[in-house]
Amino acid sequence: RTLQESARVMLHAKKLPYFFWAEAMNTTCYIHNRVTLRADREQRRKMDPESDEGIFMGYSTNSRAYRVFNSRTKTMMESINVVIDDSAANKETDVEGDVVASDLQLD
């Protein structure tokens, strides 16, 4: 379900006017960012690695988490559970060409 669909359902369920569209979208985003999903869309086998390699991008402004670019999913994420390999600091990153610098919003 997209965020717009969730906001539309929220407005319809409570019979609110579309005037509250922005508030419904903010609430939908808030809920979506706090819901954790354990299942990945990809089927992982028992002996597959359970972590992804990422690129350290900085620190979160909202919490004590790290901001990391996930190389597998091509998304920015925040996580507290990060293991930083300092020996790989000068290693070239393997980011494919479909990720454009303008897509990443850094604070």
C-alpha atoms as a PDB file:
ATOM      1  CA  ARG A   1       0.000   0.000   0.000  1.00  0.00           C
ATOM      2  CA  THR A   2       1.271   3.475  -0.795  1.00  0.00           C
ATOM      3  CA  LEU A   3       1.309   6.366   1.633  1.00  0.00           C
ATOM      4  CA  GLN A   4      -1.410   8.150  -0.337  1.00  0.00           C
ATOM      5  CA  GLU A   5      -3.711   5.138  -0.131  1.00  0.00           C
ATOM      6  CA  SER A   6      -3.166   4.885   3.614  1.00  0.00           C
ATOM      7  CA  ALA A   7      -3.895   8.587   4.100  1.00  0.00           C
ATOM      8  CA  ARG A   8      -7.028   8.324   1.942  1.00  0.00           C
ATOM      9  CA  VAL A   9      -8.280   5.348   3.986  1.00  0.00           C
ATOM     10  CA  MET A  10      -7.556   7.239   7.203  1.00  0.00           C
ATOM     11  CA  LEU A  11      -9.610  10.248   6.047  1.00  0.00           C
ATOM     12  CA  HIS A  12     -12.437   8.074   4.744  1.00  0.00           C
ATOM     13  CA  ALA A  13     -12.635   5.906   7.887  1.00  0.00           C
ATOM     14  CA  LYS A  14     -13.111   8.938  10.133  1.00  0.00           C
ATOM     15  CA  LYS A  15     -15.192  10.879   7.565  1.00  0.00           C
ATOM     16  CA  LEU A  16     -12.813  13.827   7.653  1.00  0.00           C
ATOM     17  CA  PRO A  17     -12.735  16.470   4.898  1.00  0.00           C
ATOM     18  CA  TYR A  18      -9.804  16.626   2.496  1.00  0.00           C
ATOM     19  CA  PHE A  19      -8.703  19.734   4.372  1.00  0.00           C
ATOM     20  CA  PHE A  20      -6.851  17.337   6.703  1.00  0.00           C
ATOM     21  CA  TRP A  21      -4.932  15.687   3.838  1.00  0.00           C
ATOM     22  CA  ALA A  22      -1.527  16.977   4.990  1.00  0.00           C
ATOM     23  CA  GLU A  23      -2.110  15.836   8.565  1.00  0.00           C
ATOM     24  CA  ALA A  24      -3.185  12.396   7.363  1.00  0.00           C
ATOM     25  CA  MET A  25      -0.037  12.119   5.216  1.00  0.00           C
ATOM     26  CA  ASN A  26       2.177  13.164   8.148  1.00  0.00           C
ATOM     27  CA  THR A  27       0.517  10.606  10.408  1.00  0.00           C
ATOM     28  CA  THR A  28       0.806   7.910   7.746  1.00  0.00           C
ATOM     29  CA  CYS A  29       4.530   8.643   7.294  1.00  0.00           C
ATOM     30  CA  TYR A  30       5.053   8.621  11.065  1.00  0.00           C
ATOM     31  CA  ILE A  31       3.367   5.229  11.426  1.00  0.00           C
ATOM     32  CA  HIS A  32       5.094   3.783   8.351  1.00  0.00           C
ATOM     33  CA  ASN A  33       8.549   4.760   9.626  1.00  0.00           C
ATOM     34  CA  ARG A  34       7.970   3.092  12.982  1.00  0.00           C
ATOM     35  CA  VAL A  35       6.509  -0.194  11.802  1.00  0.00           C
ATOM     36  CA  THR A  36       9.179  -2.845  11.475  1.00  0.00           C
ATOM     37  CA  LEU A  37       8.903  -5.672   9.020  1.00  0.00           C
ATOM     38  CA  ARG A  38      10.938  -8.776   9.689  1.00  0.00           C
ATOM     39  CA  ALA A  39      10.243 -10.543   6.406  1.00  0.00           C
ATOM     40  CA  ASP A  40      12.233  -9.477   3.384  1.00  0.00           C
ATOM     41  CA  ARG A  41      10.624  -9.732  -0.039  1.00  0.00           C
ATOM     42  CA  GLU A  42      13.534 -11.866  -1.154  1.00  0.00           C
ATOM     43  CA  GLN A  43      13.521 -15.434   0.041  1.00  0.00           C
ATOM     44  CA  ARG A  44      16.597 -15.985   2.174  1.00  0.00           C
ATOM     45  CA  ARG A  45      17.861 -19.418   2.977  1.00  0.00           C
ATOM     46  CA  LYS A  46      18.956 -20.525   6.408  1.00  0.00           C
ATOM     47  CA  MET A  47      22.694 -20.095   5.797  1.00  0.00           C
ATOM     48  CA  ASP A  48      22.508 -16.799   3.868  1.00  0.00           C
ATOM     49  CA  PRO A  49      23.990 -13.714   5.544  1.00  0.00           C
ATOM     50  CA  GLU A  50      21.510 -11.776   7.655  1.00  0.00           C
ATOM     51  CA  SER A  51      23.098  -8.381   7.181  1.00  0.00           C
ATOM     52  CA  ASP A  52      23.736  -6.024   4.291  1.00  0.00           C
ATOM     53  CA  GLU A  53      26.829  -4.056   3.443  1.00  0.00           C
ATOM     54  CA  GLY A  54      26.390  -0.308   3.500  1.00  0.00           C
ATOM     55  CA  ILE A  55      28.183   3.009   3.215  1.00  0.00           C
ATOM     56  CA  PHE A  56      28.419   5.221   6.310  1.00  0.00           C
ATOM     57  CA  MET A  57      26.801   8.570   5.473  1.00  0.00           C
ATOM     58  CA  GLY A  58      26.704  10.292   8.859  1.00  0.00           C
ATOM     59  CA  TYR A  59      24.647  10.537  12.009  1.00  0.00           C
ATOM     60  CA  SER A  60      20.896  10.800  12.442  1.00  0.00           C
ATOM     61  CA  THR A  61      19.536  14.171  13.503  1.00  0.00           C
ATOM     62  CA  ASN A  62      16.527  12.598  15.242  1.00  0.00           C
ATOM     63  CA  SER A  63      18.126   9.794  17.253  1.00  0.00           C
ATOM     64  CA  ARG A  64      21.458   8.270  18.177  1.00  0.00           C
ATOM     65  CA  ALA A  65      21.467   6.077  15.062  1.00  0.00           C
ATOM     66  CA  TYR A  66      23.854   6.048  12.114  1.00  0.00           C
ATOM     67  CA  ARG A  67      22.742   6.985   8.590  1.00  0.00           C
ATOM     68  CA  VAL A  68      23.786   4.264   6.164  1.00  0.00           C
ATOM     69  CA  PHE A  69      23.300   3.804   2.420  1.00  0.00           C
ATOM     70  CA  ASN A  70      22.273   0.170   1.907  1.00  0.00           C
ATOM     71  CA  SER A  71      24.159  -1.118  -1.142  1.00  0.00           C
ATOM     72  CA  ARG A  72      21.723  -3.988  -1.786  1.00  0.00           C
ATOM     73  CA  THR A  73      18.414  -2.108  -1.596  1.00  0.00           C
ATOM     74  CA  LYS A  74      19.804   1.257  -2.801  1.00  0.00           C
ATOM     75  CA  THR A  75      18.112   3.151   0.035  1.00  0.00           C
ATOM     76  CA  MET A  76      19.157   5.373   2.914  1.00  0.00           C
ATOM     77  CA  MET A  77      18.445   3.884   6.319  1.00  0.00           C
ATOM     78  CA  GLU A  78      19.085   4.624   9.964  1.00  0.00           C
ATOM     79  CA  SER A  79      20.307   1.926  12.315  1.00  0.00           C
ATOM     80  CA  ILE A  80      21.873   1.576  15.733  1.00  0.00           C
ATOM     81  CA  ASN A  81      23.191  -1.905  14.946  1.00  0.00           C
ATOM     82  CA  VAL A  82      26.160  -1.046  12.743  1.00  0.00           C
ATOM     83  CA  VAL A  83      29.595  -2.641  12.606  1.00  0.00           C
ATOM     84  CA  ILE A  84      32.106  -0.251  11.040  1.00  0.00           C
ATOM     85  CA  ASP A  85      35.114  -1.819   9.322  1.00  0.00           C
ATOM     86  CA  ASP A  86      37.847   0.836   9.515  1.00  0.00           C
ATOM     87  CA  SER A  87      40.227  -1.275   7.436  1.00  0.00           C
ATOM     88  CA  ALA A  88      37.898  -0.820   4.463  1.00  0.00           C
ATOM     89  CA  ALA A  89      37.816   2.989   4.781  1.00  0.00           C
ATOM     90  CA  ASN A  90      39.866   3.580   1.626  1.00  0.00           C
ATOM     91  CA  LYS A  91      38.174   0.831  -0.377  1.00  0.00           C
ATOM     92  CA  GLU A  92      36.323   1.910  -3.494  1.00  0.00           C
ATOM     93  CA  THR A  93      32.583   1.624  -3.145  1.00  0.00           C
ATOM     94  CA  ASP A  94      30.528  -0.489  -5.505  1.00  0.00           C
ATOM     95  CA  VAL A  95      27.501   1.715  -6.122  1.00  0.00           C
ATOM     96  CA  GLU A  96      25.804   1.167  -9.447  1.00  0.00           C
ATOM     97  CA  GLY A  97      25.127   3.998 -11.849  1.00  0.00           C
ATOM     98  CA  ASP A  98      21.366   4.076 -11.271  1.00  0.00           C
ATOM     99  CA  VAL A  99      21.840   5.994  -8.020  1.00  0.00           C
ATOM    100  CA  VAL A 100      22.181   9.717  -8.621  1.00  0.00           C
ATOM    101  CA  ALA A 101      23.633  12.107  -6.051  1.00  0.00           C
ATOM    102  CA  SER A 102      20.524  14.284  -6.324  1.00  0.00           C
ATOM    103  CA  ASP A 103      18.414  11.345  -5.070  1.00  0.00           C
ATOM    104  CA  LEU A 104      20.191  11.423  -1.716  1.00  0.00           C
ATOM    105  CA  GLN A 105      19.120  14.163   0.655  1.00  0.00           C
ATOM    106  CA  LEU A 106      21.752  14.867   3.250  1.00  0.00           C
ATOM    107  CA  ASP A 107      21.037  17.101   6.216  1.00  0.00           C
END
